[in-house]
Amino acid sequence: MPTLNQLIRHGREEKRRTDRTRASDQCPQKQGVRPRVPTRTPKKPNSAPRKIAKVRLSNRHDIFAHIPGEGHNSQEHPMVLIRGGRVKDSPGVKSHCIRGVKDLLGIPDRRRGRSKYGAEKPKSI
């Protein structure tokens, strides 16, 4: 514990916060290329493999991004668009791929929450 005189001379140092948006350069979306598409097991109570994409952004940062929804068409080296939003049960995954934009297709035959998954409006009979 510092003495009163030491506090007057030096003061207290402010704690530095880590910047979660370091890779995105404060942009709402960022474009990137996927070098590989692994799956990853989540943290303790959950167990289903999560679809993760390693993405090299246009500013040369490498990040992991979650691919939402059931199934995807992603091979290696297509272009994707990245938005923020972490995946709570996957450590180190702090962004999402946007479906239906660039080379990542939307989910076909989806009727609810279509805007989140890039699905087209179904033709009514």
C-alpha atoms as a PDB file:
ATOM      1  CA  MET A   1       0.000   0.000   0.000  1.00  0.00           C
ATOM      2  CA  PRO A   2       1.518   3.369  -0.996  1.00  0.00           C
ATOM      3  CA  THR A   3       1.971   6.146   1.489  1.00  0.00           C
ATOM      4  CA  LEU A   4       0.059   9.421   1.124  1.00  0.00           C
ATOM      5  CA  ASN A   5       3.236  11.168  -0.009  1.00  0.00           C
ATOM      6  CA  GLN A   6       3.859   8.558  -2.717  1.00  0.00           C
ATOM      7  CA  LEU A   7       0.281   8.964  -3.996  1.00  0.00           C
ATOM      8  CA  ILE A   8       0.715  12.752  -4.172  1.00  0.00           C
ATOM      9  CA  ARG A   9       3.990  12.360  -6.093  1.00  0.00           C
ATOM     10  CA  HIS A  10       2.963   9.621  -8.539  1.00  0.00           C
ATOM     11  CA  GLY A  11      -0.813   9.169  -8.347  1.00  0.00           C
ATOM     12  CA  ARG A  12      -2.600   5.968  -9.299  1.00  0.00           C
ATOM     13  CA  GLU A  13      -2.268   4.427 -12.748  1.00  0.00           C
ATOM     14  CA  GLU A  14      -5.502   3.934 -14.690  1.00  0.00           C
ATOM     15  CA  LYS A  15      -6.215   0.303 -15.644  1.00  0.00           C
ATOM     16  CA  ARG A  16      -5.927  -0.297 -19.391  1.00  0.00           C
ATOM     17  CA  ARG A  17      -8.939  -1.871 -21.093  1.00  0.00           C
ATOM     18  CA  THR A  18      -8.394  -4.330 -23.920  1.00  0.00           C
ATOM     19  CA  ASP A  19      -9.866  -3.255 -27.242  1.00  0.00           C
ATOM     20  CA  ARG A  20     -12.238  -5.922 -28.593  1.00  0.00           C
ATOM     21  CA  THR A  21     -12.676  -4.141 -31.937  1.00  0.00           C
ATOM     22  CA  ARG A  22      -8.960  -3.997 -32.712  1.00  0.00           C
ATOM     23  CA  ALA A  23      -9.271  -6.154 -35.844  1.00  0.00           C
ATOM     24  CA  SER A  24     -12.269  -4.318 -37.289  1.00  0.00           C
ATOM     25  CA  ASP A  25     -10.721  -0.792 -37.105  1.00  0.00           C
ATOM     26  CA  GLN A  26     -14.012   0.519 -35.604  1.00  0.00           C
ATOM     27  CA  CYS A  27     -15.902  -0.438 -38.809  1.00  0.00           C
ATOM     28  CA  PRO A  28     -19.381  -2.034 -38.659  1.00  0.00           C
ATOM     29  CA  GLN A  29     -18.428  -4.678 -41.254  1.00  0.00           C
ATOM     30  CA  LYS A  30     -15.155  -5.831 -42.729  1.00  0.00           C
ATOM     31  CA  GLN A  31     -14.338  -7.952 -45.780  1.00  0.00           C
ATOM     32  CA  GLY A  32     -12.002 -10.904 -45.603  1.00  0.00           C
ATOM     33  CA  VAL A  33     -10.781 -14.124 -47.201  1.00  0.00           C
ATOM     34  CA  ARG A  34     -11.212 -17.524 -45.529  1.00  0.00           C
ATOM     35  CA  PRO A  35      -7.986 -19.562 -45.583  1.00  0.00           C
ATOM     36  CA  ARG A  36      -9.611 -22.530 -43.782  1.00  0.00           C
ATOM     37  CA  VAL A  37     -12.932 -23.626 -42.254  1.00  0.00           C
ATOM     38  CA  PRO A  38     -12.439 -25.743 -39.108  1.00  0.00           C
ATOM     39  CA  THR A  39     -15.007 -26.798 -36.497  1.00  0.00           C
ATOM     40  CA  ARG A  40     -14.448 -26.237 -32.818  1.00  0.00           C
ATOM     41  CA  THR A  41     -15.946 -27.768 -29.674  1.00  0.00           C
ATOM     42  CA  PRO A  42     -17.568 -25.261 -27.290  1.00  0.00           C
ATOM     43  CA  LYS A  43     -17.032 -24.653 -23.583  1.00  0.00           C
ATOM     44  CA  LYS A  44     -18.139 -26.973 -20.793  1.00  0.00           C
ATOM     45  CA  PRO A  45     -21.888 -27.682 -20.671  1.00  0.00           C
ATOM     46  CA  ASN A  46     -22.352 -27.615 -24.490  1.00  0.00           C
ATOM     47  CA  SER A  47     -20.968 -30.133 -26.938  1.00  0.00           C
ATOM     48  CA  ALA A  48     -22.119 -29.668 -30.568  1.00  0.00           C
ATOM     49  CA  PRO A  49     -19.274 -28.686 -32.929  1.00  0.00           C
ATOM     50  CA  ARG A  50     -19.392 -25.011 -33.911  1.00  0.00           C
ATOM     51  CA  LYS A  51     -18.686 -23.962 -37.503  1.00  0.00           C
ATOM     52  CA  ILE A  52     -15.810 -21.507 -37.304  1.00  0.00           C
ATOM     53  CA  ALA A  53     -14.043 -19.720 -40.167  1.00  0.00           C
ATOM     54  CA  LYS A  54     -10.537 -18.378 -39.893  1.00  0.00           C
ATOM     55  CA  VAL A  55     -10.686 -15.086 -41.799  1.00  0.00           C
ATOM     56  CA  ARG A  56      -7.869 -12.846 -43.016  1.00  0.00           C
ATOM     57  CA  LEU A  57      -9.391  -9.353 -43.088  1.00  0.00           C
ATOM     58  CA  SER A  58      -8.613  -6.646 -45.630  1.00  0.00           C
ATOM     59  CA  ASN A  59      -6.405  -4.940 -43.027  1.00  0.00           C
ATOM     60  CA  ARG A  60      -4.276  -8.128 -42.663  1.00  0.00           C
ATOM     61  CA  HIS A  61      -5.682  -9.159 -39.261  1.00  0.00           C
ATOM     62  CA  ASP A  62      -6.432 -12.868 -38.762  1.00  0.00           C
ATOM     63  CA  ILE A  63      -9.581 -13.572 -36.729  1.00  0.00           C
ATOM     64  CA  PHE A  64     -12.001 -16.428 -36.070  1.00  0.00           C
ATOM     65  CA  ALA A  65     -15.628 -15.845 -37.095  1.00  0.00           C
ATOM     66  CA  HIS A  66     -18.726 -17.935 -36.463  1.00  0.00           C
ATOM     67  CA  ILE A  67     -20.839 -19.138 -39.414  1.00  0.00           C
ATOM     68  CA  PRO A  68     -24.471 -18.957 -38.214  1.00  0.00           C
ATOM     69  CA  GLY A  69     -27.310 -21.256 -39.237  1.00  0.00           C
ATOM     70  CA  GLU A  70     -27.518 -24.887 -40.302  1.00  0.00           C
ATOM     71  CA  GLY A  71     -25.075 -25.956 -43.015  1.00  0.00           C
ATOM     72  CA  HIS A  72     -22.916 -23.766 -45.231  1.00  0.00           C
ATOM     73  CA  ASN A  73     -21.316 -23.878 -48.683  1.00  0.00           C
ATOM     74  CA  SER A  74     -17.985 -22.454 -47.606  1.00  0.00           C
ATOM     75  CA  GLN A  75     -14.893 -23.902 -49.206  1.00  0.00           C
ATOM     76  CA  GLU A  76     -11.458 -22.399 -48.716  1.00  0.00           C
ATOM     77  CA  HIS A  77     -10.490 -18.944 -50.054  1.00  0.00           C
ATOM     78  CA  PRO A  78     -13.858 -17.318 -50.789  1.00  0.00           C
ATOM     79  CA  MET A  79     -14.706 -13.735 -49.784  1.00  0.00           C
ATOM     80  CA  VAL A  80     -16.886 -13.149 -46.716  1.00  0.00           C
ATOM     81  CA  LEU A  81     -18.247 -10.132 -44.854  1.00  0.00           C
ATOM     82  CA  ILE A  82     -17.721 -10.014 -41.085  1.00  0.00           C
ATOM     83  CA  ARG A  83     -19.805  -8.301 -38.415  1.00  0.00           C
ATOM     84  CA  GLY A  84     -19.298  -8.093 -34.662  1.00  0.00           C
ATOM     85  CA  GLY A  85     -20.924 -10.219 -31.986  1.00  0.00           C
ATOM     86  CA  ARG A  86     -19.194 -12.854 -29.937  1.00  0.00           C
ATOM     87  CA  VAL A  87     -20.103 -16.512 -29.507  1.00  0.00           C
ATOM     88  CA  LYS A  88     -20.442 -17.080 -25.800  1.00  0.00           C
ATOM     89  CA  ASP A  89     -19.429 -20.743 -25.664  1.00  0.00           C
ATOM     90  CA  SER A  90     -16.488 -20.517 -28.119  1.00  0.00           C
ATOM     91  CA  PRO A  91     -13.379 -18.841 -26.658  1.00  0.00           C
ATOM     92  CA  GLY A  92     -11.660 -16.342 -28.951  1.00  0.00           C
ATOM     93  CA  VAL A  93     -14.553 -16.056 -31.435  1.00  0.00           C
ATOM     94  CA  LYS A  94     -15.700 -12.425 -31.373  1.00  0.00           C
ATOM     95  CA  SER A  95     -17.341 -11.976 -34.768  1.00  0.00           C
ATOM     96  CA  HIS A  96     -19.878 -13.501 -37.163  1.00  0.00           C
ATOM     97  CA  CYS A  97     -19.937 -14.099 -40.918  1.00  0.00           C
ATOM     98  CA  ILE A  98     -22.874 -12.444 -42.691  1.00  0.00           C
ATOM     99  CA  ARG A  99     -24.937 -14.970 -44.673  1.00  0.00           C
ATOM    100  CA  GLY A 100     -26.182 -14.167 -48.162  1.00  0.00           C
ATOM    101  CA  VAL A 101     -23.379 -11.658 -48.888  1.00  0.00           C
ATOM    102  CA  LYS A 102     -20.289 -12.227 -51.089  1.00  0.00           C
ATOM    103  CA  ASP A 103     -19.470 -15.949 -51.509  1.00  0.00           C
ATOM    104  CA  LEU A 104     -21.307 -17.251 -48.409  1.00  0.00           C
ATOM    105  CA  LEU A 105     -24.809 -18.306 -49.478  1.00  0.00           C
ATOM    106  CA  GLY A 106     -27.942 -17.790 -47.424  1.00  0.00           C
ATOM    107  CA  ILE A 107     -29.972 -20.652 -46.022  1.00  0.00           C
ATOM    108  CA  PRO A 108     -32.525 -21.989 -48.531  1.00  0.00           C
ATOM    109  CA  ASP A 109     -36.096 -22.786 -47.388  1.00  0.00           C
ATOM    110  CA  ARG A 110     -35.836 -20.692 -44.248  1.00  0.00           C
ATOM    111  CA  ARG A 111     -39.102 -18.953 -43.345  1.00  0.00           C
ATOM    112  CA  ARG A 112     -38.479 -17.264 -39.992  1.00  0.00           C
ATOM    113  CA  GLY A 113     -35.691 -14.828 -39.182  1.00  0.00           C
ATOM    114  CA  ARG A 114     -34.802 -14.714 -42.882  1.00  0.00           C
ATOM    115  CA  SER A 115     -32.892 -11.426 -42.733  1.00  0.00           C
ATOM    116  CA  LYS A 116     -30.381 -12.872 -40.263  1.00  0.00           C
ATOM    117  CA  TYR A 117     -29.536 -15.780 -42.538  1.00  0.00           C
ATOM    118  CA  GLY A 118     -29.734 -14.241 -46.038  1.00  0.00           C
ATOM    119  CA  ALA A 119     -32.766 -16.316 -47.049  1.00  0.00           C
ATOM    120  CA  GLU A 120     -34.994 -15.248 -49.922  1.00  0.00           C
ATOM    121  CA  LYS A 121     -38.708 -14.635 -49.522  1.00  0.00           C
ATOM    122  CA  PRO A 122     -40.613 -17.860 -50.315  1.00  0.00           C
ATOM    123  CA  LYS A 123     -42.961 -17.745 -53.286  1.00  0.00           C
ATOM    124  CA  SER A 124     -46.572 -17.879 -52.076  1.00  0.00           C
ATOM    125  CA  ILE A 125     -48.893 -20.315 -53.800  1.00  0.00           C
END
